[in-house]
Amino acid sequence: MPYTTLISTEELARHIGDPDWAIVDCRFSLQDTEQGRRHYLAAHIPGAVYAHLDEDLSGPIIPGQTGRHPLPAQATFVETLSRWGIDEGVQVVAYDDAGGMVASRLWWMLRWLGHEAVAVLDGGWLRWQREGRPVGRGSESRPARTFVPAPRPELLADVHEVLAALENPHVRLLDARSADRYRGENETLDARAGHIPGAISAPYAENLDAEGCFQSPEALRERFTRLLAGTPPEQAIFYCGSGVSAAHNLLALAHAGLGDARLYVGSWSDWINDPNRPIATGEEPSQA
């Protein structure tokens, strides 16, 4: 059975060197976009290839038309996956040093293209290091394979669907950013502060325990059942600042056994491109 949500360090360690397992290092810093690559070259899980958030997991930014991390063209991403040696027979494991926040983006993107055998390393690089497990150094690669996509457009929501959701009480919007950014406080990344009207605050960091691992499926199920408040997951739309950390919530939702919701990839950084789109600040009445 493939791993489709999370995988433990113990299980991954048993598959180091397996040609049918692809390990992808997704470490990345918004403040220093080359830091992740430097850290990868210095030390990484043996056999891992490196995925750069801006170069590999995002497409070109079009000012005024996209968010900060738009999806790459499907054909471009397929080429990247093929270069990383990923096809339908490969189990992919993604990891980072940020509680799975960036690794979840790769997890979601693979599922968007129909690849189910992808999991995020629970506890990530930090846990791997704490446990004293082996490391590789320098740049690594895998023999190329041919990735054949089977796109799942139902996992995406565009800005028009989000606008329609403002008038539809049957659709739930959930904001994965920190609670202060949701309220419109301490905004340091985007030009305007606040949240999409009606959205519920659902910080992705609350999916994790004190050790940086995901909470149990039971705890996550309780959390998202409360946040969804009766809305079926397929009628929920998750967003964040630029379509990265919201994938963490989608991973947690799946790990809880609640199924799939949709991702608004453009997220807040796309929403604010149009000054006519409404903005709310503070708490929503349902959370005040």
Protein backbone atom coordinates (compact mmCIF):
# COMPACT_ATOMS: atom_id res chain seq x y z
CA MET A 1 0.00 0.00 0.00
CA PRO A 2 1.42 3.43 -0.88
CA TYR A 3 1.87 6.18 1.66
CA THR A 4 -0.55 8.96 0.76
CA THR A 5 -0.43 11.48 3.63
CA LEU A 6 2.39 11.14 6.18
CA ILE A 7 5.32 8.79 6.67
CA SER A 8 7.55 8.24 9.70
CA THR A 9 11.32 8.64 9.77
CA GLU A 10 11.59 4.97 10.73
CA GLU A 11 9.71 3.83 7.64
CA LEU A 12 11.61 6.15 5.31
CA ALA A 13 14.95 4.96 6.72
CA ARG A 14 14.07 1.42 5.61
CA HIS A 15 13.75 2.59 2.00
CA ILE A 16 16.88 4.67 1.58
CA GLY A 17 18.44 3.58 -1.70
CA ASP A 18 15.25 2.03 -3.07
CA PRO A 19 15.06 3.11 -6.74
CA ASP A 20 11.26 3.15 -6.56
CA TRP A 21 11.30 5.73 -3.76
CA ALA A 22 12.00 9.39 -4.58
CA ILE A 23 12.91 11.69 -1.70
CA VAL A 24 12.51 15.43 -2.31
CA ASP A 25 14.04 18.08 -0.05
CA CYS A 26 11.73 21.14 -0.04
CA ARG A 27 13.54 23.36 2.47
CA PHE A 28 12.98 27.03 1.68
CA SER A 29 13.04 30.42 3.39
CA LEU A 30 10.93 33.36 2.20
CA GLN A 31 13.50 35.69 3.78
CA ASP A 32 16.48 34.08 2.03
CA THR A 33 15.38 32.16 -1.04
CA GLU A 34 18.74 30.42 -1.51
CA GLN A 35 19.05 29.26 2.09
CA GLY A 36 17.23 25.98 1.48
CA ARG A 37 19.51 25.05 -1.41
CA ARG A 38 22.62 25.86 0.65
CA HIS A 39 21.37 23.74 3.51
CA TYR A 40 20.54 20.89 1.12
CA LEU A 41 24.04 20.93 -0.36
CA ALA A 42 25.54 20.92 3.15
CA ALA A 43 23.45 17.97 4.39
CA HIS A 44 20.28 16.17 3.39
CA ILE A 45 18.55 12.81 3.61
CA PRO A 46 20.58 10.40 1.44
CA GLY A 47 19.33 10.21 -2.14
CA ALA A 48 17.18 13.33 -1.93
CA VAL A 49 16.83 15.72 -4.85
CA TYR A 50 16.17 19.39 -4.17
CA ALA A 51 12.95 21.26 -5.00
CA HIS A 52 13.12 25.06 -4.97
CA LEU A 53 9.77 26.65 -4.14
CA ASP A 54 10.19 29.54 -6.58
CA GLU A 55 11.94 27.66 -9.39
CA ASP A 56 10.35 24.19 -9.30
CA LEU A 57 7.06 24.42 -7.41
CA SER A 58 5.89 27.78 -8.78
CA GLY A 59 5.47 29.46 -12.13
CA PRO A 60 6.36 33.01 -13.20
CA ILE A 61 4.67 35.81 -11.27
CA ILE A 62 2.60 38.10 -13.47
CA PRO A 63 2.21 41.41 -11.60
CA GLY A 64 -1.42 42.23 -11.02
CA GLN A 65 -2.59 38.85 -12.31
CA THR A 66 -1.17 36.16 -10.02
CA GLY A 67 -0.28 35.61 -6.42
CA ARG A 68 3.27 35.24 -5.12
CA HIS A 69 3.48 31.50 -5.89
CA PRO A 70 1.35 30.65 -8.93
CA LEU A 71 1.37 27.09 -10.19
CA PRO A 72 3.88 26.29 -12.93
CA ALA A 73 2.55 25.31 -16.33
CA GLN A 74 1.46 21.69 -16.15
CA ALA A 75 3.87 20.63 -18.92
CA THR A 76 6.76 22.34 -17.14
CA PHE A 77 6.03 20.59 -13.86
CA VAL A 78 5.66 17.24 -15.63
CA GLU A 79 9.15 17.75 -17.07
CA THR A 80 10.45 18.50 -13.58
CA LEU A 81 8.89 15.37 -12.10
CA SER A 82 10.27 13.27 -14.94
CA ARG A 83 13.75 14.72 -14.34
CA TRP A 84 13.43 13.78 -10.67
CA GLY A 85 12.78 10.17 -11.70
CA ILE A 86 9.11 10.05 -10.74
CA ASP A 87 6.55 7.94 -12.58
CA GLU A 88 3.44 6.01 -11.58
CA GLY A 89 5.54 3.32 -9.86
CA VAL A 90 7.41 5.66 -7.51
CA GLN A 91 6.62 6.44 -3.89
CA VAL A 92 7.47 10.10 -3.29
CA VAL A 93 8.46 11.44 0.13
CA ALA A 94 8.73 15.20 0.59
CA TYR A 95 10.29 16.92 3.59
CA ASP A 96 11.36 20.32 4.85
CA ASP A 97 12.43 21.96 8.11
CA ALA A 98 9.22 23.96 8.61
CA GLY A 99 6.78 21.40 9.96
CA GLY A 100 5.90 20.23 6.46
CA MET A 101 4.67 23.62 5.26
CA VAL A 102 6.59 23.66 1.96
CA ALA A 103 6.65 19.88 1.55
CA SER A 104 2.84 19.95 1.65
CA ARG A 105 2.86 22.12 -1.48
CA LEU A 106 4.67 19.35 -3.40
CA TRP A 107 2.32 16.76 -1.85
CA TRP A 108 -0.68 18.72 -3.12
CA MET A 109 0.80 19.38 -6.57
CA LEU A 110 1.47 15.69 -7.17
CA ARG A 111 -2.06 14.81 -6.15
CA TRP A 112 -3.34 17.62 -8.41
CA LEU A 113 -1.68 15.74 -11.28
CA GLY A 114 -3.11 12.40 -10.16
CA HIS A 115 -0.14 10.88 -8.30
CA GLU A 116 -1.45 9.41 -5.04
CA ALA A 117 1.75 7.75 -3.78
CA VAL A 118 3.17 10.85 -2.11
CA ALA A 119 3.67 11.51 1.59
CA VAL A 120 5.23 14.18 3.78
CA LEU A 121 7.88 13.13 6.28
CA ASP A 122 6.34 13.64 9.71
CA GLY A 123 8.73 15.78 11.75
CA GLY A 124 10.81 16.44 8.65
CA TRP A 125 14.50 17.21 8.54
CA LEU A 126 14.60 18.35 12.17
CA ARG A 127 13.37 14.99 13.44
CA TRP A 128 15.69 13.13 11.07
CA GLN A 129 18.61 15.09 12.55
CA ARG A 130 17.47 14.65 16.16
CA GLU A 131 17.42 10.92 15.64
CA GLY A 132 20.98 10.94 14.32
CA ARG A 133 20.08 9.35 11.00
CA PRO A 134 22.52 9.30 8.04
CA VAL A 135 22.92 12.28 5.74
CA GLY A 136 24.11 12.88 2.20
CA ARG A 137 26.02 15.92 0.94
CA GLY A 138 26.29 17.82 -2.31
CA SER A 139 23.82 17.64 -5.18
CA GLU A 140 22.11 14.36 -6.04
CA SER A 141 19.97 13.23 -8.95
CA ARG A 142 17.90 10.23 -10.01
CA PRO A 143 17.64 8.47 -13.36
CA ALA A 144 14.90 10.16 -15.36
CA ARG A 145 11.52 8.51 -15.79
CA THR A 146 8.39 9.58 -17.67
CA PHE A 147 5.68 11.13 -15.53
CA VAL A 148 2.22 10.84 -17.07
CA PRO A 149 -0.26 13.29 -15.50
CA ALA A 150 -3.89 12.56 -14.75
CA PRO A 151 -5.05 16.06 -13.72
CA ARG A 152 -7.66 16.58 -11.02
CA PRO A 153 -9.05 20.08 -11.67
CA GLU A 154 -11.66 19.56 -8.95
CA LEU A 155 -8.90 20.18 -6.38
CA LEU A 156 -8.54 23.79 -7.57
CA ALA A 157 -10.66 26.88 -6.99
CA ASP A 158 -10.09 30.07 -8.95
CA VAL A 159 -10.83 33.63 -7.91
CA HIS A 160 -14.23 33.60 -9.64
CA GLU A 161 -15.33 30.63 -7.53
CA VAL A 162 -14.12 32.40 -4.41
CA LEU A 163 -16.09 35.50 -5.36
CA ALA A 164 -19.17 33.34 -5.90
CA ALA A 165 -18.59 31.75 -2.49
CA LEU A 166 -19.10 35.13 -0.82
CA GLU A 167 -22.78 34.85 -1.71
CA ASN A 168 -23.11 31.11 -1.10
CA PRO A 169 -23.68 30.01 2.52
CA HIS A 170 -22.99 26.41 1.52
CA VAL A 171 -19.32 27.13 0.73
CA ARG A 172 -16.81 27.53 3.56
CA LEU A 173 -13.62 29.59 3.18
CA LEU A 174 -10.72 28.77 5.51
CA ASP A 175 -7.61 30.94 5.92
CA ALA A 176 -4.40 29.06 6.82
CA ARG A 177 -2.31 32.10 7.79
CA SER A 178 -1.54 33.03 11.37
CA ALA A 179 -4.43 34.51 13.32
CA ASP A 180 -2.84 37.97 13.48
CA ARG A 181 -2.39 38.19 9.70
CA TYR A 182 -5.95 36.95 9.27
CA ARG A 183 -7.16 39.81 11.47
CA GLY A 184 -5.11 42.31 9.45
CA GLU A 185 -2.33 42.75 12.03
CA ASN A 186 1.44 42.39 11.52
CA GLU A 187 1.20 42.00 7.74
CA THR A 188 4.78 41.84 6.46
CA LEU A 189 4.44 39.96 3.16
CA ASP A 190 1.55 41.51 1.25
CA ALA A 191 0.62 45.07 0.34
CA ARG A 192 -2.82 44.96 1.98
CA ALA A 193 -3.87 43.39 5.25
CA GLY A 194 -6.98 41.46 6.23
CA HIS A 195 -8.86 38.43 4.97
CA ILE A 196 -11.51 37.43 2.46
CA PRO A 197 -14.90 38.32 3.96
CA GLY A 198 -16.59 35.35 5.59
CA ALA A 199 -13.42 33.27 5.79
CA ILE A 200 -12.69 31.38 8.99
CA SER A 201 -9.26 31.53 10.62
CA ALA A 202 -7.59 28.09 10.51
CA PRO A 203 -3.84 28.57 11.12
CA TYR A 204 -1.91 25.67 9.64
CA ALA A 205 0.55 25.65 12.55
CA GLU A 206 -2.20 24.31 14.80
CA ASN A 207 -1.99 21.00 12.92
CA LEU A 208 1.33 20.34 14.69
CA ASP A 209 2.29 19.26 18.18
CA ALA A 210 5.09 20.68 20.32
CA GLU A 211 7.66 18.45 18.58
CA GLY A 212 6.75 19.71 15.10
CA CYS A 213 4.91 16.53 14.13
CA PHE A 214 1.32 16.33 12.96
CA GLN A 215 -1.32 15.75 15.57
CA SER A 216 -3.10 12.40 15.56
CA PRO A 217 -5.74 11.72 12.92
CA GLU A 218 -8.35 11.80 15.70
CA ALA A 219 -7.25 15.26 16.91
CA LEU A 220 -7.11 16.59 13.35
CA ARG A 221 -10.55 15.15 12.61
CA GLU A 222 -11.95 16.95 15.65
CA ARG A 223 -10.27 20.20 14.61
CA PHE A 224 -11.50 20.23 11.02
CA THR A 225 -14.95 18.94 11.86
CA ARG A 226 -15.29 21.99 14.09
CA LEU A 227 -13.85 24.37 11.48
CA LEU A 228 -16.02 23.02 8.68
CA ALA A 229 -19.11 23.29 10.87
CA GLY A 230 -21.15 20.86 8.79
CA THR A 231 -19.83 21.94 5.39
CA PRO A 232 -18.77 18.92 3.29
CA PRO A 233 -15.00 19.14 2.59
CA GLU A 234 -15.58 19.22 -1.17
CA GLN A 235 -17.51 22.47 -0.66
CA ALA A 236 -14.69 24.09 1.32
CA ILE A 237 -11.99 26.31 -0.17
CA PHE A 238 -8.67 26.75 1.61
CA TYR A 239 -6.30 29.64 1.04
CA CYS A 240 -3.32 31.36 2.67
CA GLY A 241 -0.93 34.09 1.55
CA SER A 242 0.26 32.54 -1.70
CA GLY A 243 -1.07 28.99 -1.97
CA VAL A 244 1.69 27.23 0.00
CA SER A 245 0.74 26.85 3.67
CA ALA A 246 -2.92 26.18 2.81
CA ALA A 247 -1.75 22.83 1.40
CA HIS A 248 -0.69 21.93 4.95
CA ASN A 249 -4.34 22.14 6.00
CA LEU A 250 -5.36 20.03 3.01
CA LEU A 251 -2.80 17.40 4.01
CA ALA A 252 -4.09 17.44 7.59
CA LEU A 253 -7.66 17.14 6.33
CA ALA A 254 -6.72 14.08 4.26
CA HIS A 255 -4.71 12.54 7.12
CA ALA A 256 -7.78 12.95 9.32
CA GLY A 257 -9.73 10.84 6.86
CA LEU A 258 -12.06 13.68 5.88
CA GLY A 259 -11.27 13.66 2.15
CA ASP A 260 -10.38 16.49 -0.21
CA ALA A 261 -11.20 20.18 -0.24
CA ARG A 262 -10.16 22.78 -2.80
CA LEU A 263 -7.16 25.09 -2.88
CA TYR A 264 -7.32 28.70 -4.03
CA VAL A 265 -3.75 28.81 -5.28
CA GLY A 266 -3.62 32.57 -5.83
CA SER A 267 -4.75 33.08 -2.23
CA TRP A 268 -4.53 36.44 -0.47
CA SER A 269 -1.71 37.78 -2.66
CA ASP A 270 -3.92 37.26 -5.71
CA TRP A 271 -7.13 38.45 -4.05
CA ILE A 272 -5.67 41.89 -3.32
CA ASN A 273 -4.62 42.44 -6.96
CA ASP A 274 -8.06 43.91 -7.62
CA PRO A 275 -8.86 46.86 -5.34
CA ASN A 276 -12.57 46.26 -5.93
CA ARG A 277 -12.52 42.90 -4.16
CA PRO A 278 -13.78 43.25 -0.59
CA ILE A 279 -11.53 42.89 2.44
CA ALA A 280 -12.41 42.21 6.07
CA THR A 281 -10.35 42.74 9.21
CA GLY A 282 -10.68 41.58 12.79
CA GLU A 283 -12.65 38.49 13.70
CA GLU A 284 -15.63 37.14 11.84
CA PRO A 285 -18.82 37.11 13.98
CA SER A 286 -18.68 33.31 14.14
CA GLN A 287 -15.19 33.45 15.69
CA ALA A 288 -15.38 36.60 17.77
